[in-house]
Protein backbone atom coordinates (compact mmCIF):
# COMPACT_ATOMS: atom_id res chain seq x y z
CA MET A 1 -0.47 28.92 6.42
CA ILE A 2 -2.35 26.82 3.10
CA VAL A 3 -2.94 27.98 0.07
CA GLU A 4 -6.04 26.95 -2.12
CA LYS A 5 -7.29 27.90 -5.22
CA ASN A 6 -10.87 28.99 -5.08
CA ILE A 7 -13.61 28.84 -7.73
CA THR A 8 -12.98 31.77 -9.40
CA GLY A 9 -9.00 30.95 -9.72
CA ASN A 10 -7.93 33.17 -7.07
CA LEU A 11 -5.56 32.03 -4.16
CA THR A 12 -6.61 32.24 -0.82
CA GLU A 13 -4.72 31.46 2.25
CA PHE A 14 -5.85 29.95 5.38
CA SER A 15 -4.23 29.28 8.62
CA ARG A 16 -3.94 25.56 9.72
CA ALA A 17 -7.01 25.99 12.20
CA GLU A 18 -9.06 27.62 10.09
CA PHE A 19 -8.57 24.66 7.35
CA ARG A 20 -9.24 21.93 10.27
CA ASN A 21 -12.65 24.10 11.18
CA MET A 22 -13.61 23.98 7.44
CA ALA A 23 -12.57 20.20 7.47
CA ASP A 24 -14.58 19.20 10.33
CA THR A 25 -17.33 21.25 8.75
CA MET A 26 -17.22 19.25 5.63
CA VAL A 27 -17.26 16.06 7.97
CA ASP A 28 -20.17 17.20 9.50
CA PHE A 29 -22.34 17.52 6.59
CA ASP A 30 -21.16 14.48 5.37
CA GLU A 31 -22.15 12.30 8.37
CA SER A 32 -25.61 14.65 8.01
CA ARG A 33 -26.15 13.21 4.33
CA LYS A 34 -25.32 9.60 5.60
CA ALA A 35 -28.06 10.23 8.36
CA VAL A 36 -30.65 11.49 5.32
CA ARG A 37 -29.85 8.11 3.75
CA LYS A 38 -30.62 6.02 6.40
CA SER A 39 -33.80 7.65 7.15
CA PHE A 40 -37.36 6.04 6.40
CA THR A 41 -37.83 4.60 2.82
CA PRO A 42 -40.97 2.62 1.68
CA GLU A 43 -38.97 -0.57 1.47
CA ASN A 44 -38.25 -0.33 5.16
CA ALA A 45 -41.95 -0.01 6.26
CA ASN A 46 -43.50 -2.79 8.43
CA VAL A 47 -46.87 -3.77 7.37
CA HIS A 48 -49.26 -5.14 9.33
CA VAL A 49 -53.33 -6.58 8.61
CA GLN A 50 -55.86 -6.71 11.32
CA TYR A 51 -58.89 -7.62 10.85
CA GLY A 52 -61.43 -10.11 12.81
CA GLY A 53 -59.19 -10.36 15.88
CA LYS A 54 -56.48 -11.58 13.53
CA SER A 55 -53.21 -10.02 13.08
CA TYR A 56 -50.46 -10.77 10.48
CA THR A 57 -47.36 -8.71 9.57
CA GLY A 58 -45.76 -8.73 6.21
CA LYS A 59 -43.23 -11.02 7.42
CA ASP A 60 -45.57 -13.10 8.83
CA LEU A 61 -47.33 -13.58 5.57
CA ALA A 62 -44.07 -13.91 3.98
CA LYS A 63 -42.88 -16.81 5.95
CA ILE A 64 -46.48 -18.72 5.47
CA ALA A 65 -46.13 -18.39 1.65
CA ARG A 66 -42.62 -19.78 1.55
CA ASN A 67 -43.83 -22.44 3.61
CA VAL A 68 -46.59 -23.36 1.32
CA TRP A 69 -44.21 -22.91 -1.39
CA VAL A 70 -42.01 -25.44 -0.37
CA TYR A 71 -44.10 -28.05 1.98
CA ASP A 72 -47.42 -28.00 -0.30
CA MET A 73 -46.09 -27.08 -3.32
CA GLY A 74 -43.36 -29.28 -3.18
CA ARG A 75 -40.89 -26.70 -4.38
CA LYS A 76 -37.47 -25.61 -3.42
CA GLN A 77 -37.19 -22.34 -1.51
CA THR A 78 -34.11 -21.35 -3.46
CA GLU A 79 -36.09 -21.32 -6.62
CA ILE A 80 -37.85 -18.02 -5.13
CA LYS A 81 -36.02 -14.71 -6.34
CA ASN A 82 -39.20 -12.42 -5.46
CA MET A 83 -42.41 -12.65 -4.18
CA GLU A 84 -45.88 -10.52 -4.15
CA ILE A 85 -48.39 -11.27 -1.72
CA TYR A 86 -52.26 -10.04 -2.07
CA VAL A 87 -54.39 -10.28 1.01
CA LYS A 88 -57.91 -10.68 0.75
CA PRO A 89 -59.75 -10.37 4.12
CA GLU A 90 -63.26 -10.92 2.77
CA GLU A 91 -62.29 -14.39 1.71
CA ASN A 92 -60.23 -15.07 4.52
CA THR A 93 -57.15 -15.79 1.98
CA ALA A 94 -53.68 -14.67 0.56
CA TYR A 95 -52.73 -15.07 -2.67
CA PHE A 96 -49.12 -15.10 -3.67
CA VAL A 97 -46.90 -14.80 -6.94
CA VAL A 98 -43.52 -16.18 -7.37
CA ASN A 99 -41.28 -14.96 -9.63
CA ARG A 100 -44.05 -12.92 -11.82
CA ASN A 101 -45.87 -16.32 -13.06
CA GLU A 102 -46.11 -18.72 -10.46
CA THR A 103 -48.96 -18.64 -8.67
CA GLY A 104 -50.59 -19.97 -4.81
CA LYS A 105 -52.84 -19.15 -2.01
CA PHE A 106 -53.28 -19.73 1.74
CA PHE A 107 -56.03 -19.46 4.47
CA ILE A 108 -55.52 -16.99 7.48
């Protein structure tokens, strides 16, 4: 027998089988909580920009912006702490901001 004190302070007795069943239920509950945590978050969203027969993903645009930063602007990739990209299809241009203060652009 396993003795446990419940919320009200009373002692409750459980058989080993009942206790194992409760423990299994708790594990199942914990696993379901982990599954919920792994579900969709906005950070996991895939962005696709399509216009005029062209198609770019967010990763494509980030790679191009990184290459412009490194090869065209002569900067180091390690200097990039964060990057924001703004796409203006009507201008066929994507603008990017690195580390919230340095800007660049490229044609798409």
